[in-house]
Amino acid sequence: MRKPTLLTALAFAAALASPVLAEDKVGFIYVGPAADAGYNQSMDDGRKFVEKALPGITTTAFELIPETAEVERVMERLISSGHKIIFATSYGYLDYAIKVGEKHPDVTILHAGGLKTSKNVGTYWADSDAGMYLAGVAAGHLSKTGKLGFQGGFQIPQLMRSVNAFTLGAQSVNPKAVTTVVWNGGWWEPQKETEATNAFADAGIDVIAEQVDSPITIAQVAEKRSILMIGKDLDIHDRAPKSWLTGVSWNWGPMMVEQIKQIKAGTWKASHVRGDLASGNVVLDPFGAMVPAAVKEGVLKLKDDINAGKKSIWEGPIAKQDGTVVVAAGQKLTMEQVETMDYLVKGITGATK
């Protein structure tokens, strides 16, 4: 079982000794390292934003906490040291958050995604689907083979919707575009990520998208194999100058600050808080140098249409892998349907379970 790093332990010890009032102590829990140049770092950037925006707040962060009963124990440690607000930032923490919340009604827990709430447990998320669709449009234009790849950690709705959005975007440009998806069975698996990226390149796949905790390994291998990649969670375009096509990043800070303000004001109620490209909680990253000006202009125009509500990426017709229509022409998926997505769309090769 992974344990908190020394840096995290020191931060926790400092929090115990802090004279800050309990209601001004906010805890953060990450499934991976806070400096992963990916998902967990995006959450930690949110924590830092909170500290700057709300000077009276003191934060404590635990990293490398698995999606097991270990996170429940970490929540209890935070609560016992006076933390009244906790951001549980990984998908598999939700059931534990509900359980802990029932035991501590005076504590508010904010969980990253999911559709369960309780009186003092709410969810927050930023929908990156539209960003992944736009990245898919760019990939559809730049791919010479029409063969795309996608690496994901687990077969969960948040990742199924990402690969689906990416593929639909590519198919809007090239209807014959196909995506091969590989599930690594973990959020941070450098060896598997390396092997899968090399296998993609060997198979003639020339653009890779991903949703793992850190895009660094995939970016490095893509550079060596001279194929393009789509970033996710954090902008690392300067780390892969030859392979970087574009990316989709998070901007959690403003959303976190607003939630804390509501809790302290006594106006917060458990709900599903969602952001997106239009709200600025999701960011379409810079384009790579290889992207033609006309492609950039087209993608940015489409982004404007999505933000203005003129374009919905989840409007039918949309069919599953086997051709079964799940969204008829003229219909749109609801938030609940998107967030419980358990299928892959036509044109994707890969398992759903």
Protein backbone atom coordinates (compact mmCIF):
# COMPACT_ATOMS: atom_id res chain seq x y z
CA MET A 1 0.00 0.00 0.00
CA ARG A 2 1.35 3.39 -0.93
CA LYS A 3 1.97 5.89 1.87
CA PRO A 4 2.10 9.69 1.96
CA THR A 5 5.44 11.15 0.96
CA LEU A 6 7.72 12.85 3.48
CA LEU A 7 6.73 16.24 2.09
CA THR A 8 3.07 15.42 2.66
CA ALA A 9 3.76 14.12 6.16
CA LEU A 10 5.59 17.33 7.03
CA ALA A 11 2.69 19.38 5.68
CA PHE A 12 0.32 17.38 7.86
CA ALA A 13 2.48 17.90 10.94
CA ALA A 14 2.54 21.63 10.26
CA ALA A 15 -1.23 21.65 9.95
CA LEU A 16 -1.60 20.00 13.34
CA ALA A 17 0.43 22.80 14.91
CA SER A 18 -1.31 25.58 12.98
CA PRO A 19 -3.23 28.21 14.99
CA VAL A 20 -5.67 28.68 12.08
CA LEU A 21 -9.31 28.24 13.00
CA ALA A 22 -10.73 24.83 12.11
CA GLU A 23 -13.22 26.24 9.64
CA ASP A 24 -10.32 27.74 7.70
CA LYS A 25 -8.46 24.44 7.25
CA VAL A 26 -9.06 22.66 3.96
CA GLY A 27 -7.76 19.20 3.11
CA PHE A 28 -6.90 17.76 -0.30
CA ILE A 29 -6.38 14.09 -1.14
CA TYR A 30 -4.68 12.89 -4.34
CA VAL A 31 -4.42 9.39 -5.76
CA GLY A 32 -0.99 10.07 -7.28
CA PRO A 33 1.98 12.40 -6.78
CA ALA A 34 1.14 16.09 -6.62
CA ALA A 35 3.93 16.88 -9.08
CA ASP A 36 2.93 14.37 -11.77
CA ALA A 37 2.63 16.98 -14.57
CA GLY A 38 -0.92 15.72 -15.02
CA TYR A 39 -4.20 15.20 -13.22
CA ASN A 40 -2.97 15.37 -9.63
CA GLN A 41 -0.86 18.42 -10.35
CA SER A 42 -3.91 20.12 -11.86
CA MET A 43 -5.73 19.52 -8.57
CA ASP A 44 -2.73 20.76 -6.58
CA ASP A 45 -2.65 23.88 -8.75
CA GLY A 46 -6.26 24.34 -7.65
CA ARG A 47 -5.17 24.07 -4.02
CA LYS A 48 -2.49 26.73 -4.56
CA PHE A 49 -5.07 28.96 -6.24
CA VAL A 50 -7.28 28.60 -3.15
CA GLU A 51 -4.46 29.70 -0.86
CA LYS A 52 -3.79 32.79 -2.98
CA ALA A 53 -7.44 33.73 -3.46
CA LEU A 54 -8.44 33.12 0.16
CA PRO A 55 -5.53 34.29 2.35
CA GLY A 56 -7.22 33.11 5.58
CA ILE A 57 -7.27 29.50 4.39
CA THR A 58 -4.62 26.94 5.27
CA THR A 59 -4.47 23.76 3.17
CA THR A 60 -3.10 20.29 3.81
CA ALA A 61 -2.47 17.82 0.97
CA PHE A 62 -2.03 14.06 1.04
CA GLU A 63 -0.75 12.37 -2.10
CA LEU A 64 -0.41 8.75 -3.26
CA ILE A 65 -3.58 7.68 -1.46
CA PRO A 66 -5.19 4.65 -3.19
CA GLU A 67 -8.90 4.30 -3.91
CA THR A 68 -9.33 1.91 -0.98
CA ALA A 69 -10.22 2.13 2.71
CA GLU A 70 -6.90 3.97 3.08
CA VAL A 71 -8.58 7.16 1.86
CA GLU A 72 -11.20 6.80 4.58
CA ARG A 73 -8.43 6.73 7.18
CA VAL A 74 -6.82 9.81 5.67
CA MET A 75 -10.14 11.67 5.76
CA GLU A 76 -10.49 10.77 9.43
CA ARG A 77 -6.98 12.09 10.14
CA LEU A 78 -7.80 15.36 8.44
CA ILE A 79 -11.04 15.71 10.37
CA SER A 80 -9.41 14.88 13.69
CA SER A 81 -6.94 17.73 13.10
CA GLY A 82 -9.73 20.23 12.51
CA HIS A 83 -10.24 20.23 8.74
CA LYS A 84 -13.89 21.04 8.05
CA ILE A 85 -13.65 20.98 4.25
CA ILE A 86 -12.09 18.15 2.25
CA PHE A 87 -11.55 17.87 -1.50
CA ALA A 88 -11.47 14.16 -2.39
CA THR A 89 -10.06 14.36 -5.89
CA SER A 90 -10.11 10.84 -7.35
CA TYR A 91 -13.01 8.95 -8.93
CA GLY A 92 -12.88 5.98 -6.55
CA TYR A 93 -13.11 8.01 -3.34
CA LEU A 94 -16.85 8.71 -3.50
CA ASP A 95 -18.29 5.82 -1.49
CA TYR A 96 -15.72 6.39 1.24
CA ALA A 97 -16.57 10.11 1.26
CA ILE A 98 -20.27 9.32 1.75
CA LYS A 99 -19.42 6.95 4.62
CA VAL A 100 -17.14 9.44 6.37
CA GLY A 101 -19.61 12.25 5.81
CA GLU A 102 -22.35 10.32 7.61
CA LYS A 103 -20.10 10.07 10.68
CA HIS A 104 -19.14 13.76 10.61
CA PRO A 105 -22.16 15.94 9.72
CA ASP A 106 -20.22 19.12 10.55
CA VAL A 107 -17.68 18.42 7.78
CA THR A 108 -18.20 19.11 4.07
CA ILE A 109 -16.62 16.77 1.53
CA LEU A 110 -16.34 17.76 -2.13
CA HIS A 111 -15.73 14.84 -4.48
CA ALA A 112 -14.37 15.00 -8.02
CA GLY A 113 -17.18 13.68 -10.20
CA GLY A 114 -19.80 11.01 -9.65
CA LEU A 115 -23.55 11.16 -9.24
CA LYS A 116 -23.98 10.40 -5.53
CA THR A 117 -24.49 13.06 -2.89
CA SER A 118 -25.53 13.18 0.75
CA LYS A 119 -26.38 16.06 3.07
CA ASN A 120 -22.74 17.09 3.44
CA VAL A 121 -21.09 15.45 0.41
CA GLY A 122 -21.34 17.08 -3.00
CA THR A 123 -19.55 16.61 -6.31
CA TYR A 124 -17.66 18.98 -8.56
CA TRP A 125 -16.33 18.37 -12.02
CA ALA A 126 -15.36 20.13 -15.22
CA ASP A 127 -16.68 18.48 -18.39
CA SER A 128 -13.76 18.11 -20.78
CA ASP A 129 -15.76 16.23 -23.42
CA ALA A 130 -16.09 19.25 -25.70
CA GLY A 131 -12.35 19.85 -25.43
CA MET A 132 -11.65 16.24 -26.34
CA TYR A 133 -14.04 16.56 -29.30
CA LEU A 134 -12.12 19.60 -30.52
CA ALA A 135 -8.84 17.74 -30.05
CA GLY A 136 -10.35 14.93 -32.11
CA VAL A 137 -11.21 17.37 -34.88
CA ALA A 138 -7.58 18.49 -34.95
CA ALA A 139 -6.44 14.85 -34.94
CA GLY A 140 -8.78 14.05 -37.81
CA HIS A 141 -7.18 16.78 -39.86
CA LEU A 142 -3.57 15.89 -39.01
CA SER A 143 -3.69 12.09 -39.07
CA LYS A 144 -2.29 10.68 -42.31
CA THR A 145 -3.50 7.14 -41.68
CA GLY A 146 -6.90 7.76 -40.09
CA LYS A 147 -5.74 5.42 -37.31
CA LEU A 148 -5.92 6.92 -33.82
CA GLY A 149 -5.02 5.57 -30.41
CA PHE A 150 -6.27 6.23 -26.89
CA GLN A 151 -4.83 5.14 -23.57
CA GLY A 152 -6.93 5.19 -20.42
CA GLY A 153 -6.56 4.13 -16.83
CA PHE A 154 -9.85 2.33 -16.24
CA GLN A 155 -13.12 1.51 -18.02
CA ILE A 156 -15.20 4.08 -16.17
CA PRO A 157 -17.73 6.58 -17.53
CA GLN A 158 -15.38 9.56 -17.25
CA LEU A 159 -12.93 7.88 -19.62
CA MET A 160 -15.47 6.27 -21.94
CA ARG A 161 -16.94 9.69 -22.61
CA SER A 162 -13.45 11.09 -23.32
CA VAL A 163 -12.52 8.49 -25.92
CA ASN A 164 -16.01 8.71 -27.42
CA ALA A 165 -15.86 12.50 -27.69
CA PHE A 166 -12.36 12.34 -29.19
CA THR A 167 -13.43 9.78 -31.78
CA LEU A 168 -16.62 11.62 -32.74
CA GLY A 169 -14.58 14.77 -33.26
CA ALA A 170 -12.14 12.97 -35.55
CA GLN A 171 -14.99 11.33 -37.47
CA SER A 172 -16.61 14.72 -38.06
CA VAL A 173 -13.58 15.44 -40.26
CA ASN A 174 -12.79 11.93 -41.48
CA PRO A 175 -15.78 9.56 -41.25
CA LYS A 176 -13.42 6.62 -41.75
CA ALA A 177 -11.28 7.48 -38.73
CA VAL A 178 -10.95 4.65 -36.21
CA THR A 179 -9.62 4.60 -32.65
CA THR A 180 -7.95 1.75 -30.81
CA VAL A 181 -8.27 2.06 -27.04
CA VAL A 182 -6.03 0.37 -24.46
CA TRP A 183 -6.90 0.27 -20.76
CA ASN A 184 -3.83 0.18 -18.50
CA GLY A 185 -5.61 -0.85 -15.29
CA GLY A 186 -4.01 1.98 -13.34
CA TRP A 187 -3.78 5.75 -13.28
CA TRP A 188 0.01 5.85 -13.40
CA GLU A 189 1.64 2.95 -15.25
CA PRO A 190 4.76 4.22 -17.09
CA GLN A 191 5.84 0.79 -18.35
CA LYS A 192 2.41 -0.06 -19.75
CA GLU A 193 2.12 3.42 -21.23
CA THR A 194 5.46 2.99 -22.96
CA GLU A 195 4.55 -0.44 -24.33
CA ALA A 196 1.14 0.68 -25.57
CA THR A 197 2.52 3.80 -27.26
CA ASN A 198 5.16 1.74 -29.07
CA ALA A 199 2.52 -0.81 -30.08
CA PHE A 200 0.34 1.99 -31.45
CA ALA A 201 3.21 3.36 -33.51
CA ASP A 202 4.05 -0.12 -34.82
CA ALA A 203 0.41 -0.52 -35.93
CA GLY A 204 0.45 2.68 -38.00
CA ILE A 205 -1.44 4.80 -35.48
CA ASP A 206 -0.14 8.33 -35.85
CA VAL A 207 -2.11 10.32 -33.25
CA ILE A 208 -2.53 9.26 -29.62
CA ALA A 209 -4.91 10.73 -27.06
CA GLU A 210 -4.93 9.70 -23.43
CA GLN A 211 -6.49 10.03 -20.03
CA VAL A 212 -4.06 8.75 -17.46
CA ASP A 213 -2.72 10.66 -14.48
CA SER A 214 0.38 11.97 -16.25
CA PRO A 215 0.88 12.45 -20.01
CA ILE A 216 4.66 12.68 -19.64
CA THR A 217 5.58 9.09 -20.53
CA ILE A 218 3.30 8.99 -23.56
CA ALA A 219 4.64 12.35 -24.72
CA GLN A 220 8.25 11.20 -24.43
CA VAL A 221 7.65 7.97 -26.35
CA ALA A 222 5.58 9.79 -28.99
CA GLU A 223 8.52 12.16 -29.52
CA LYS A 224 10.88 9.23 -30.09
CA ARG A 225 8.48 7.50 -32.47
CA SER A 226 7.63 10.68 -34.40
CA ILE A 227 3.87 10.43 -33.87
CA LEU A 228 1.48 13.07 -32.58
CA MET A 229 -0.16 13.18 -29.14
CA ILE A 230 -3.04 14.92 -27.40
CA GLY A 231 -2.33 16.18 -23.88
CA LYS A 232 -4.75 15.87 -20.99
CA ASP A 233 -5.16 17.46 -17.55
CA LEU A 234 -2.14 19.78 -17.69
CA ASP A 235 -0.52 21.78 -20.48
CA ILE A 236 2.86 20.17 -21.27
CA HIS A 237 3.28 21.46 -24.83
CA ASP A 238 6.83 22.56 -24.06
CA ARG A 239 7.75 19.01 -23.03
CA ALA A 240 6.94 17.48 -26.43
CA PRO A 241 7.55 20.15 -29.07
CA LYS A 242 7.65 17.76 -32.04
CA SER A 243 4.70 15.57 -31.06
CA TRP A 244 2.32 17.98 -29.31
CA LEU A 245 -0.82 18.52 -31.39
CA THR A 246 -2.99 20.14 -28.70
CA GLY A 247 -4.40 19.25 -25.31
CA VAL A 248 -7.21 19.71 -22.83
CA SER A 249 -6.39 21.05 -19.36
CA TRP A 250 -8.24 21.65 -16.10
CA ASN A 251 -8.60 24.93 -14.21
CA TRP A 252 -10.01 23.82 -10.86
CA GLY A 253 -9.10 26.82 -8.70
CA PRO A 254 -12.06 29.16 -9.34
CA MET A 255 -14.55 26.33 -8.84
CA MET A 256 -12.88 25.30 -5.58
CA VAL A 257 -12.84 28.88 -4.28
CA GLU A 258 -16.55 29.34 -5.03
CA GLN A 259 -17.43 26.15 -3.17
CA ILE A 260 -15.40 27.17 -0.12
CA LYS A 261 -16.99 30.63 -0.08
CA GLN A 262 -20.47 29.09 -0.13
CA ILE A 263 -19.62 26.68 2.68
CA LYS A 264 -18.23 29.45 4.87
CA ALA A 265 -21.25 31.65 4.11
CA GLY A 266 -23.66 28.86 5.02
CA THR A 267 -25.28 28.86 1.58
CA TRP A 268 -23.74 25.64 0.23
CA LYS A 269 -26.03 22.72 -0.54
CA ALA A 270 -24.98 19.30 -1.76
CA SER A 271 -25.32 19.14 -5.53
CA HIS A 272 -23.49 18.27 -8.71
CA VAL A 273 -21.43 21.36 -9.60
CA ARG A 274 -20.17 21.30 -13.16
CA GLY A 275 -17.91 23.51 -15.24
CA ASP A 276 -16.84 23.34 -18.88
CA LEU A 277 -15.03 25.16 -21.66
CA ALA A 278 -17.44 28.08 -21.52
CA SER A 279 -16.93 28.58 -17.78
CA GLY A 280 -13.15 28.42 -18.12
CA ASN A 281 -12.79 25.36 -15.89
CA VAL A 282 -11.63 23.47 -18.98
CA VAL A 283 -9.00 24.93 -21.29
CA LEU A 284 -8.12 24.01 -24.86
CA ASP A 285 -4.32 24.08 -24.83
CA PRO A 286 -2.07 25.69 -27.48
CA PHE A 287 -1.72 24.01 -30.86
CA GLY A 288 1.51 22.43 -31.99
CA ALA A 289 3.66 24.09 -34.62
CA MET A 290 2.61 21.50 -37.23
CA VAL A 291 -1.08 22.52 -37.12
CA PRO A 292 -2.04 24.60 -40.19
CA ALA A 293 -3.60 28.01 -39.61
CA ALA A 294 -6.83 26.96 -41.34
CA VAL A 295 -7.22 24.00 -38.95
CA LYS A 296 -6.63 26.22 -35.92
CA GLU A 297 -9.21 28.71 -37.14
CA GLY A 298 -11.77 25.98 -37.78
CA VAL A 299 -11.30 24.37 -34.37
CA LEU A 300 -11.51 27.71 -32.56
CA LYS A 301 -14.65 28.65 -34.50
CA LEU A 302 -16.20 25.33 -33.47
CA LYS A 303 -15.15 26.00 -29.88
CA ASP A 304 -17.01 29.33 -30.00
CA ASP A 305 -20.11 27.58 -31.36
CA ILE A 306 -19.98 24.99 -28.55
CA ASN A 307 -19.57 27.67 -25.89
CA ALA A 308 -22.48 29.64 -27.36
CA GLY A 309 -24.74 26.58 -27.32
CA LYS A 310 -24.95 26.40 -31.11
CA LYS A 311 -23.25 23.00 -31.23
CA SER A 312 -23.71 19.97 -28.97
CA ILE A 313 -21.19 17.16 -29.25
CA TRP A 314 -23.67 14.66 -27.80
CA GLU A 315 -26.41 15.18 -30.38
CA GLY A 316 -27.39 12.18 -32.49
CA PRO A 317 -27.14 10.16 -34.47
CA ILE A 318 -24.64 8.30 -32.27
CA ALA A 319 -24.20 4.53 -32.41
CA LYS A 320 -22.39 1.99 -30.25
CA GLN A 321 -19.54 -0.20 -31.51
CA ASP A 322 -22.02 -2.79 -32.79
CA GLY A 323 -24.07 -0.18 -34.66
CA THR A 324 -26.90 0.07 -32.12
CA VAL A 325 -28.19 3.64 -32.12
CA VAL A 326 -28.07 5.17 -28.65
CA VAL A 327 -28.87 8.74 -29.63
CA ALA A 328 -31.29 9.34 -32.47
CA ALA A 329 -30.90 12.24 -34.88
CA GLY A 330 -32.04 15.48 -33.27
CA GLN A 331 -31.81 14.15 -29.72
CA LYS A 332 -29.17 14.96 -27.10
CA LEU A 333 -27.78 13.05 -24.15
CA THR A 334 -28.61 14.36 -20.68
CA MET A 335 -25.91 15.01 -18.09
CA GLU A 336 -26.87 11.80 -16.28
CA GLN A 337 -26.62 9.79 -19.50
CA VAL A 338 -23.19 11.21 -20.25
CA GLU A 339 -21.90 10.66 -16.73
CA THR A 340 -23.04 7.03 -16.68
CA MET A 341 -21.73 6.22 -20.18
CA ASP A 342 -20.72 2.54 -20.32
CA TYR A 343 -20.26 2.01 -24.07
CA LEU A 344 -17.87 2.94 -26.85
CA VAL A 345 -19.06 4.45 -30.11
CA LYS A 346 -18.84 2.96 -33.56
CA GLY A 347 -15.32 3.15 -34.94
CA ILE A 348 -13.60 2.31 -31.65
CA THR A 349 -11.83 -1.00 -31.10
CA GLY A 350 -11.53 -1.92 -27.43
CA ALA A 351 -13.29 -3.57 -24.51
CA THR A 352 -15.88 -1.89 -22.31
CA LYS A 353 -15.37 -4.24 -19.35
